[in-house]
Amino acid sequence: MKKPAFLSILWVIAATGTLWAAMPRADAHCQIPCGIYDDPVRFTQLEEHIATIEKSMKQIIDLADEAEHANQLVRWVMNKEDHAGQFADIVTAYFLQQRIKPAAKDDDMYNDYIEHVTLCHKMLVTVMKAKQTTDLAHCETLRALVAEFRETYFHEH
C-alpha cells in the first residue's frame, strides 16, 4: 500500500520539476518585493552580459563561413540571445519595475526620473539590436549607456 503512494509522490515531484525547468526564467530579481537590493551587483551583471554578447558576436562572425561548425555557431547564437534577454530582464524587472520610482512633473526628481527611464529605454532598444545582428558597435553603445546610467543612478542614491 505504501509503494503506490510513494510512486505517486515521486511522479508529482518529477512532473513539478519538469514544469519548473520548462518555465521561462526572470532572474533579474523577484517581484514579491523582498526589499533586498544590490544595485552595484546589477551593474556588474549588465557589464558581464555585454562582454558575453560581444564574445558571442565575435564567435558567430568567425564561424559563419564554416559549414562544419554549424552546431557551434548555433550555440553561440543561442548564448547571445540568452544574455541579451537577461540584460533586458535586469533593466526591466529590476530597475524599471522596482528601483526607479515615478515622479510627478512638479517633483524635484522628475528630470532625473525622465533621464533614468530614457536611458533604460535606450539600453533596451540597443540590446534588442544586438540580438538582431552581429554589429559590435551595439556592444560599445551598451557600455556607454550603462556607464551613463550608472553615473546618473548613483548620483541620487
N, C-alpha and C. Protein backbone atom coordinates (compact mmCIF):
# COMPACT_ATOMS: atom_id res chain seq x y z
N MET A 1 0.81 -1.19 0.00
CA MET A 1 0.00 0.00 0.00
C MET A 1 0.86 1.26 0.00
N LYS A 2 1.97 1.23 0.69
CA LYS A 2 2.83 2.41 0.76
C LYS A 2 3.57 2.63 -0.54
N LYS A 3 3.83 1.58 -1.27
CA LYS A 3 4.58 1.70 -2.51
C LYS A 3 3.87 2.57 -3.55
N PRO A 4 2.57 2.39 -3.84
CA PRO A 4 1.90 3.26 -4.80
C PRO A 4 1.89 4.72 -4.35
N ALA A 5 1.70 4.97 -3.06
CA ALA A 5 1.71 6.36 -2.58
C ALA A 5 3.09 6.98 -2.81
N PHE A 6 4.12 6.21 -2.55
CA PHE A 6 5.48 6.69 -2.77
C PHE A 6 5.71 7.01 -4.24
N LEU A 7 5.24 6.12 -5.12
CA LEU A 7 5.39 6.34 -6.55
C LEU A 7 4.60 7.56 -7.01
N SER A 8 3.42 7.76 -6.43
CA SER A 8 2.62 8.94 -6.77
C SER A 8 3.34 10.22 -6.37
N ILE A 9 3.91 10.22 -5.19
CA ILE A 9 4.66 11.40 -4.73
C ILE A 9 5.86 11.63 -5.63
N LEU A 10 6.55 10.56 -5.99
CA LEU A 10 7.71 10.67 -6.88
C LEU A 10 7.30 11.23 -8.24
N TRP A 11 6.15 10.77 -8.75
CA TRP A 11 5.65 11.27 -10.03
C TRP A 11 5.33 12.76 -9.95
N VAL A 12 4.69 13.19 -8.87
CA VAL A 12 4.35 14.60 -8.70
C VAL A 12 5.62 15.45 -8.64
N ILE A 13 6.61 14.98 -7.92
CA ILE A 13 7.88 15.72 -7.83
C ILE A 13 8.53 15.81 -9.20
N ALA A 14 8.55 14.71 -9.94
CA ALA A 14 9.16 14.71 -11.27
C ALA A 14 8.40 15.63 -12.22
N ALA A 15 7.08 15.58 -12.18
CA ALA A 15 6.26 16.43 -13.06
C ALA A 15 6.45 17.90 -12.71
N THR A 16 6.47 18.20 -11.43
CA THR A 16 6.66 19.59 -11.00
C THR A 16 8.03 20.09 -11.42
N GLY A 17 9.04 19.26 -11.25
CA GLY A 17 10.39 19.64 -11.66
C GLY A 17 10.49 19.89 -13.15
N THR A 18 9.81 19.06 -13.93
CA THR A 18 9.81 19.24 -15.38
C THR A 18 9.13 20.54 -15.77
N LEU A 19 7.99 20.82 -15.16
CA LEU A 19 7.29 22.07 -15.44
C LEU A 19 8.11 23.27 -15.01
N TRP A 20 8.72 23.18 -13.85
CA TRP A 20 9.55 24.28 -13.35
C TRP A 20 10.72 24.55 -14.29
N ALA A 21 11.36 23.49 -14.77
CA ALA A 21 12.50 23.65 -15.67
C ALA A 21 12.09 24.25 -17.00
N ALA A 22 10.86 23.98 -17.43
CA ALA A 22 10.39 24.47 -18.72
C ALA A 22 9.88 25.91 -18.67
N MET A 23 9.64 26.42 -17.48
CA MET A 23 9.11 27.78 -17.35
C MET A 23 10.17 28.81 -17.72
N PRO A 24 9.75 29.92 -18.36
CA PRO A 24 10.70 30.98 -18.63
C PRO A 24 11.21 31.57 -17.33
N ARG A 25 12.48 31.95 -17.34
CA ARG A 25 13.09 32.48 -16.13
C ARG A 25 13.12 34.00 -16.17
N ALA A 26 12.97 34.59 -15.02
CA ALA A 26 13.17 36.03 -14.84
C ALA A 26 14.14 36.17 -13.67
N ASP A 27 15.41 36.04 -13.98
CA ASP A 27 16.42 36.03 -12.94
C ASP A 27 16.83 37.41 -12.45
N ALA A 28 16.30 38.46 -13.05
CA ALA A 28 16.75 39.79 -12.68
C ALA A 28 16.48 40.08 -11.21
N HIS A 29 15.33 39.73 -10.74
CA HIS A 29 15.00 39.94 -9.33
C HIS A 29 13.57 39.48 -9.11
N CYS A 30 13.27 39.18 -7.87
CA CYS A 30 11.91 38.77 -7.55
C CYS A 30 10.99 39.98 -7.61
N GLN A 31 9.72 39.72 -7.59
CA GLN A 31 8.74 40.80 -7.61
C GLN A 31 7.79 40.66 -6.43
N ILE A 32 8.33 40.21 -5.31
CA ILE A 32 7.48 39.97 -4.13
C ILE A 32 6.94 41.27 -3.56
N PRO A 33 7.56 42.34 -3.30
CA PRO A 33 9.00 42.64 -3.33
C PRO A 33 9.68 42.23 -2.03
N CYS A 34 10.90 41.76 -2.16
CA CYS A 34 11.63 41.27 -0.99
C CYS A 34 12.34 42.40 -0.25
N GLY A 35 12.62 43.50 -0.95
CA GLY A 35 13.32 44.61 -0.31
C GLY A 35 14.82 44.41 -0.24
N ILE A 36 15.31 43.35 -0.85
CA ILE A 36 16.76 43.08 -0.86
C ILE A 36 17.29 43.51 -2.22
N TYR A 37 18.06 44.58 -2.21
CA TYR A 37 18.58 45.13 -3.46
C TYR A 37 20.08 45.30 -3.36
N ASP A 38 20.77 45.06 -4.45
CA ASP A 38 22.21 45.29 -4.52
C ASP A 38 22.51 45.91 -5.88
N ASP A 39 22.32 47.20 -5.95
CA ASP A 39 22.46 47.91 -7.22
C ASP A 39 23.83 47.73 -7.88
N PRO A 40 24.95 47.84 -7.14
CA PRO A 40 26.25 47.64 -7.79
C PRO A 40 26.39 46.27 -8.45
N VAL A 41 25.82 45.25 -7.84
CA VAL A 41 25.87 43.90 -8.43
C VAL A 41 25.12 43.88 -9.76
N ARG A 42 23.98 44.55 -9.83
CA ARG A 42 23.21 44.58 -11.08
C ARG A 42 24.00 45.26 -12.19
N PHE A 43 24.72 46.32 -11.87
CA PHE A 43 25.53 46.97 -12.89
C PHE A 43 26.67 46.06 -13.35
N THR A 44 27.27 45.32 -12.42
CA THR A 44 28.30 44.35 -12.79
C THR A 44 27.72 43.27 -13.69
N GLN A 45 26.52 42.81 -13.37
CA GLN A 45 25.87 41.80 -14.21
C GLN A 45 25.59 42.35 -15.61
N LEU A 46 25.14 43.59 -15.70
CA LEU A 46 24.91 44.19 -17.03
C LEU A 46 26.19 44.20 -17.84
N GLU A 47 27.30 44.57 -17.21
CA GLU A 47 28.59 44.61 -17.91
C GLU A 47 29.03 43.21 -18.34
N GLU A 48 28.80 42.22 -17.50
CA GLU A 48 29.14 40.84 -17.86
C GLU A 48 28.30 40.36 -19.04
N HIS A 49 27.04 40.71 -19.06
CA HIS A 49 26.19 40.32 -20.19
C HIS A 49 26.67 40.98 -21.48
N ILE A 50 27.09 42.23 -21.41
CA ILE A 50 27.62 42.90 -22.60
C ILE A 50 28.87 42.17 -23.09
N ALA A 51 29.78 41.83 -22.18
CA ALA A 51 31.01 41.12 -22.56
C ALA A 51 30.68 39.78 -23.21
N THR A 52 29.69 39.09 -22.68
CA THR A 52 29.30 37.79 -23.24
C THR A 52 28.63 37.94 -24.60
N ILE A 53 27.80 38.96 -24.74
CA ILE A 53 27.17 39.23 -26.04
C ILE A 53 28.25 39.53 -27.07
N GLU A 54 29.22 40.35 -26.69
CA GLU A 54 30.31 40.72 -27.60
C GLU A 54 31.13 39.49 -28.00
N LYS A 55 31.49 38.66 -27.03
CA LYS A 55 32.25 37.44 -27.34
C LYS A 55 31.44 36.53 -28.27
N SER A 56 30.16 36.41 -28.01
CA SER A 56 29.29 35.59 -28.86
C SER A 56 29.27 36.13 -30.28
N MET A 57 29.15 37.45 -30.42
CA MET A 57 29.15 38.05 -31.76
C MET A 57 30.44 37.74 -32.51
N LYS A 58 31.56 37.87 -31.82
CA LYS A 58 32.86 37.59 -32.46
C LYS A 58 32.95 36.14 -32.90
N GLN A 59 32.47 35.23 -32.06
CA GLN A 59 32.50 33.81 -32.42
C GLN A 59 31.56 33.52 -33.60
N ILE A 60 30.42 34.15 -33.61
CA ILE A 60 29.46 33.97 -34.72
C ILE A 60 30.10 34.44 -36.02
N ILE A 61 30.74 35.59 -35.98
CA ILE A 61 31.41 36.13 -37.17
C ILE A 61 32.49 35.17 -37.65
N ASP A 62 33.29 34.65 -36.71
CA ASP A 62 34.39 33.73 -37.07
C ASP A 62 33.89 32.41 -37.64
N LEU A 63 32.77 31.91 -37.13
CA LEU A 63 32.27 30.59 -37.53
C LEU A 63 31.27 30.61 -38.68
N ALA A 64 30.82 31.78 -39.07
CA ALA A 64 29.72 31.90 -40.03
C ALA A 64 30.01 31.26 -41.39
N ASP A 65 31.23 31.26 -41.84
CA ASP A 65 31.55 30.75 -43.17
C ASP A 65 31.99 29.29 -43.19
N GLU A 66 31.98 28.64 -42.05
CA GLU A 66 32.47 27.27 -41.98
C GLU A 66 31.32 26.32 -41.65
N ALA A 67 30.85 25.61 -42.66
CA ALA A 67 29.69 24.72 -42.50
C ALA A 67 29.92 23.64 -41.45
N GLU A 68 31.15 23.19 -41.31
CA GLU A 68 31.42 22.12 -40.35
C GLU A 68 31.26 22.58 -38.89
N HIS A 69 31.16 23.89 -38.69
CA HIS A 69 30.99 24.43 -37.34
C HIS A 69 29.56 24.94 -37.10
N ALA A 70 28.62 24.47 -37.88
CA ALA A 70 27.24 24.96 -37.78
C ALA A 70 26.66 24.74 -36.39
N ASN A 71 26.97 23.61 -35.79
CA ASN A 71 26.45 23.31 -34.46
C ASN A 71 26.98 24.32 -33.44
N GLN A 72 28.27 24.59 -33.51
CA GLN A 72 28.87 25.56 -32.58
C GLN A 72 28.33 26.96 -32.85
N LEU A 73 28.10 27.27 -34.10
CA LEU A 73 27.53 28.57 -34.47
C LEU A 73 26.16 28.76 -33.82
N VAL A 74 25.33 27.74 -33.89
CA VAL A 74 24.00 27.81 -33.28
C VAL A 74 24.11 28.03 -31.78
N ARG A 75 25.07 27.37 -31.15
CA ARG A 75 25.25 27.53 -29.70
C ARG A 75 25.64 28.96 -29.35
N TRP A 76 26.49 29.59 -30.16
CA TRP A 76 26.88 30.98 -29.89
C TRP A 76 25.71 31.93 -30.12
N VAL A 77 24.90 31.65 -31.13
CA VAL A 77 23.71 32.49 -31.36
C VAL A 77 22.77 32.38 -30.17
N MET A 78 22.53 31.17 -29.69
CA MET A 78 21.65 30.97 -28.54
C MET A 78 22.22 31.66 -27.29
N ASN A 79 23.53 31.60 -27.13
CA ASN A 79 24.18 32.25 -25.99
C ASN A 79 23.99 33.77 -26.05
N LYS A 80 24.16 34.33 -27.24
CA LYS A 80 23.97 35.78 -27.42
C LYS A 80 22.53 36.15 -27.09
N GLU A 81 21.58 35.38 -27.59
CA GLU A 81 20.17 35.63 -27.33
C GLU A 81 19.86 35.57 -25.83
N ASP A 82 20.40 34.56 -25.18
CA ASP A 82 20.15 34.36 -23.75
C ASP A 82 20.67 35.55 -22.93
N HIS A 83 21.90 35.96 -23.19
CA HIS A 83 22.48 37.04 -22.40
C HIS A 83 21.85 38.39 -22.73
N ALA A 84 21.43 38.59 -23.95
CA ALA A 84 20.70 39.82 -24.29
C ALA A 84 19.36 39.84 -23.55
N GLY A 85 18.72 38.69 -23.47
CA GLY A 85 17.46 38.60 -22.73
C GLY A 85 17.65 38.84 -21.24
N GLN A 86 18.72 38.30 -20.68
CA GLN A 86 19.00 38.53 -19.26
C GLN A 86 19.31 40.00 -18.99
N PHE A 87 20.03 40.64 -19.91
CA PHE A 87 20.31 42.08 -19.80
C PHE A 87 18.98 42.84 -19.74
N ALA A 88 18.10 42.54 -20.68
CA ALA A 88 16.79 43.22 -20.73
C ALA A 88 15.98 42.95 -19.47
N ASP A 89 16.06 41.73 -18.94
CA ASP A 89 15.34 41.40 -17.71
C ASP A 89 15.81 42.25 -16.53
N ILE A 90 17.11 42.46 -16.43
CA ILE A 90 17.63 43.28 -15.33
C ILE A 90 17.13 44.71 -15.47
N VAL A 91 17.20 45.24 -16.68
CA VAL A 91 16.75 46.62 -16.89
C VAL A 91 15.27 46.76 -16.57
N THR A 92 14.46 45.81 -17.01
CA THR A 92 13.01 45.94 -16.79
C THR A 92 12.59 45.50 -15.39
N ALA A 93 12.88 44.25 -15.02
CA ALA A 93 12.36 43.68 -13.77
C ALA A 93 13.05 44.25 -12.54
N TYR A 94 14.27 44.70 -12.68
CA TYR A 94 14.96 45.24 -11.51
C TYR A 94 14.87 46.77 -11.47
N PHE A 95 15.40 47.42 -12.50
CA PHE A 95 15.47 48.88 -12.46
C PHE A 95 14.11 49.55 -12.73
N LEU A 96 13.50 49.25 -13.86
CA LEU A 96 12.26 49.95 -14.21
C LEU A 96 11.10 49.61 -13.30
N GLN A 97 10.97 48.34 -12.94
CA GLN A 97 9.81 47.94 -12.15
C GLN A 97 9.98 48.16 -10.65
N GLN A 98 11.23 48.17 -10.16
CA GLN A 98 11.40 48.20 -8.71
C GLN A 98 12.24 49.35 -8.18
N ARG A 99 13.24 49.77 -8.90
CA ARG A 99 14.18 50.73 -8.32
C ARG A 99 13.93 52.17 -8.75
N ILE A 100 13.51 52.39 -9.97
CA ILE A 100 13.25 53.76 -10.44
C ILE A 100 11.82 54.11 -10.06
N LYS A 101 11.71 55.08 -9.20
CA LYS A 101 10.38 55.48 -8.70
C LYS A 101 9.81 56.61 -9.54
N PRO A 102 8.56 56.50 -9.95
CA PRO A 102 7.93 57.58 -10.72
C PRO A 102 7.93 58.89 -9.93
N ALA A 103 8.03 59.97 -10.66
CA ALA A 103 8.00 61.30 -10.03
C ALA A 103 7.02 62.18 -10.81
N ALA A 104 6.26 62.95 -10.09
CA ALA A 104 5.32 63.89 -10.72
C ALA A 104 6.09 65.04 -11.36
N LYS A 105 5.46 65.69 -12.33
CA LYS A 105 6.12 66.78 -13.04
C LYS A 105 6.58 67.90 -12.12
N ASP A 106 5.88 68.12 -11.04
CA ASP A 106 6.26 69.19 -10.12
C ASP A 106 7.25 68.72 -9.04
N ASP A 107 7.66 67.47 -9.10
CA ASP A 107 8.62 66.91 -8.15
C ASP A 107 10.04 67.28 -8.57
N ASP A 108 10.90 67.56 -7.60
CA ASP A 108 12.30 67.89 -7.89
C ASP A 108 13.02 66.74 -8.61
N MET A 109 12.56 65.52 -8.42
CA MET A 109 13.21 64.34 -9.01
C MET A 109 12.68 64.02 -10.41
N TYR A 110 11.77 64.80 -10.93
CA TYR A 110 11.14 64.49 -12.21
C TYR A 110 12.16 64.40 -13.35
N ASN A 111 13.06 65.36 -13.45
CA ASN A 111 14.05 65.33 -14.53
C ASN A 111 14.96 64.11 -14.43
N ASP A 112 15.33 63.74 -13.20
CA ASP A 112 16.14 62.53 -13.01
C ASP A 112 15.35 61.29 -13.41
N TYR A 113 14.08 61.27 -13.05
CA TYR A 113 13.21 60.15 -13.41
C TYR A 113 13.15 60.00 -14.94
N ILE A 114 12.91 61.09 -15.63
CA ILE A 114 12.84 61.06 -17.10
C ILE A 114 14.18 60.60 -17.68
N GLU A 115 15.27 61.08 -17.13
CA GLU A 115 16.60 60.68 -17.62
C GLU A 115 16.82 59.18 -17.42
N HIS A 116 16.45 58.66 -16.26
CA HIS A 116 16.63 57.22 -15.99
C HIS A 116 15.77 56.36 -16.92
N VAL A 117 14.53 56.73 -17.07
CA VAL A 117 13.63 55.96 -17.94
C VAL A 117 14.12 56.02 -19.39
N THR A 118 14.58 57.19 -19.81
CA THR A 118 15.09 57.34 -21.18
C THR A 118 16.33 56.48 -21.39
N LEU A 119 17.24 56.48 -20.44
CA LEU A 119 18.44 55.65 -20.57
C LEU A 119 18.09 54.16 -20.58
N CYS A 120 17.15 53.76 -19.74
CA CYS A 120 16.72 52.36 -19.74
C CYS A 120 16.10 51.98 -21.09
N HIS A 121 15.29 52.88 -21.63
CA HIS A 121 14.69 52.62 -22.94
C HIS A 121 15.77 52.48 -24.00
N LYS A 122 16.75 53.36 -23.99
CA LYS A 122 17.85 53.29 -24.96
C LYS A 122 18.61 51.97 -24.82
N MET A 123 18.84 51.53 -23.58
CA MET A 123 19.53 50.26 -23.38
C MET A 123 18.71 49.10 -23.93
N LEU A 124 17.40 49.13 -23.69
CA LEU A 124 16.54 48.04 -24.18
C LEU A 124 16.50 48.00 -25.70
N VAL A 125 16.43 49.14 -26.34
CA VAL A 125 16.43 49.18 -27.81
C VAL A 125 17.77 48.69 -28.34
N THR A 126 18.86 49.11 -27.71
CA THR A 126 20.19 48.71 -28.18
C THR A 126 20.43 47.23 -27.97
N VAL A 127 19.99 46.67 -26.84
CA VAL A 127 20.19 45.23 -26.63
C VAL A 127 19.31 44.43 -27.60
N MET A 128 18.15 44.98 -27.98
CA MET A 128 17.32 44.33 -28.99
C MET A 128 18.08 44.29 -30.32
N LYS A 129 18.72 45.39 -30.68
CA LYS A 129 19.50 45.44 -31.91
C LYS A 129 20.68 44.47 -31.85
N ALA A 130 21.27 44.32 -30.67
CA ALA A 130 22.37 43.37 -30.50
C ALA A 130 21.89 41.94 -30.71
N LYS A 131 20.64 41.66 -30.34
CA LYS A 131 20.08 40.33 -30.58
C LYS A 131 19.89 40.09 -32.08
N GLN A 132 19.58 41.13 -32.82
CA GLN A 132 19.23 41.00 -34.23
C GLN A 132 20.44 40.91 -35.15
N THR A 133 21.60 41.35 -34.70
CA THR A 133 22.76 41.44 -35.58
C THR A 133 24.03 40.95 -34.88
N THR A 134 25.13 41.04 -35.60
CA THR A 134 26.45 40.82 -35.00
C THR A 134 27.28 42.09 -35.09
N ASP A 135 26.62 43.22 -35.11
CA ASP A 135 27.30 44.51 -35.17
C ASP A 135 27.87 44.84 -33.79
N LEU A 136 29.19 44.78 -33.68
CA LEU A 136 29.86 45.01 -32.40
C LEU A 136 29.67 46.42 -31.87
N ALA A 137 29.28 47.34 -32.73
CA ALA A 137 29.03 48.72 -32.29
C ALA A 137 27.92 48.77 -31.25
N HIS A 138 26.98 47.83 -31.31
CA HIS A 138 25.90 47.81 -30.31
C HIS A 138 26.45 47.53 -28.91
N CYS A 139 27.50 46.73 -28.83
CA CYS A 139 28.11 46.45 -27.52
C CYS A 139 28.77 47.70 -26.96
N GLU A 140 29.44 48.45 -27.82
CA GLU A 140 30.06 49.70 -27.36
C GLU A 140 28.99 50.70 -26.93
N THR A 141 27.92 50.77 -27.67
CA THR A 141 26.82 51.67 -27.30
C THR A 141 26.23 51.25 -25.96
N LEU A 142 26.04 49.94 -25.76
CA LEU A 142 25.53 49.45 -24.48
C LEU A 142 26.46 49.82 -23.33
N ARG A 143 27.76 49.65 -23.54
CA ARG A 143 28.73 50.01 -22.48
C ARG A 143 28.61 51.49 -22.11
N ALA A 144 28.51 52.33 -23.12
CA ALA A 144 28.40 53.77 -22.87
C ALA A 144 27.09 54.10 -22.15
N LEU A 145 26.01 53.46 -22.56
CA LEU A 145 24.72 53.71 -21.91
C LEU A 145 24.71 53.23 -20.46
N VAL A 146 25.29 52.06 -20.21
CA VAL A 146 25.35 51.54 -18.83
C VAL A 146 26.20 52.48 -17.97
N ALA A 147 27.32 52.96 -18.51
CA ALA A 147 28.17 53.89 -17.75
C ALA A 147 27.42 55.18 -17.43
N GLU A 148 26.71 55.70 -18.41
CA GLU A 148 25.94 56.93 -18.19
C GLU A 148 24.81 56.69 -17.18
N PHE A 149 24.13 55.56 -17.32
CA PHE A 149 23.05 55.24 -16.39
C PHE A 149 23.60 55.09 -14.97
N ARG A 150 24.73 54.40 -14.83
CA ARG A 150 25.34 54.22 -13.51
C ARG A 150 25.66 55.57 -12.87
N GLU A 151 26.25 56.45 -13.66
CA GLU A 151 26.63 57.76 -13.14
C GLU A 151 25.41 58.54 -12.65
N THR A 152 24.36 58.56 -13.44
CA THR A 152 23.16 59.31 -13.03
C THR A 152 22.40 58.60 -11.92
N TYR A 153 22.40 57.28 -11.94
CA TYR A 153 21.66 56.50 -10.94
C TYR A 153 22.26 56.66 -9.55
N PHE A 154 23.58 56.52 -9.45
CA PHE A 154 24.23 56.62 -8.14
C PHE A 154 24.40 58.06 -7.68
N HIS A 155 24.22 58.99 -8.57
CA HIS A 155 24.29 60.40 -8.21
C HIS A 155 23.24 60.74 -7.16
N GLU A 156 22.10 60.04 -7.21
CA GLU A 156 20.98 60.35 -6.31
C GLU A 156 20.91 59.42 -5.10
N HIS A 157 21.52 58.28 -5.17
CA HIS A 157 21.34 57.29 -4.09
C HIS A 157 22.43 57.39 -3.05
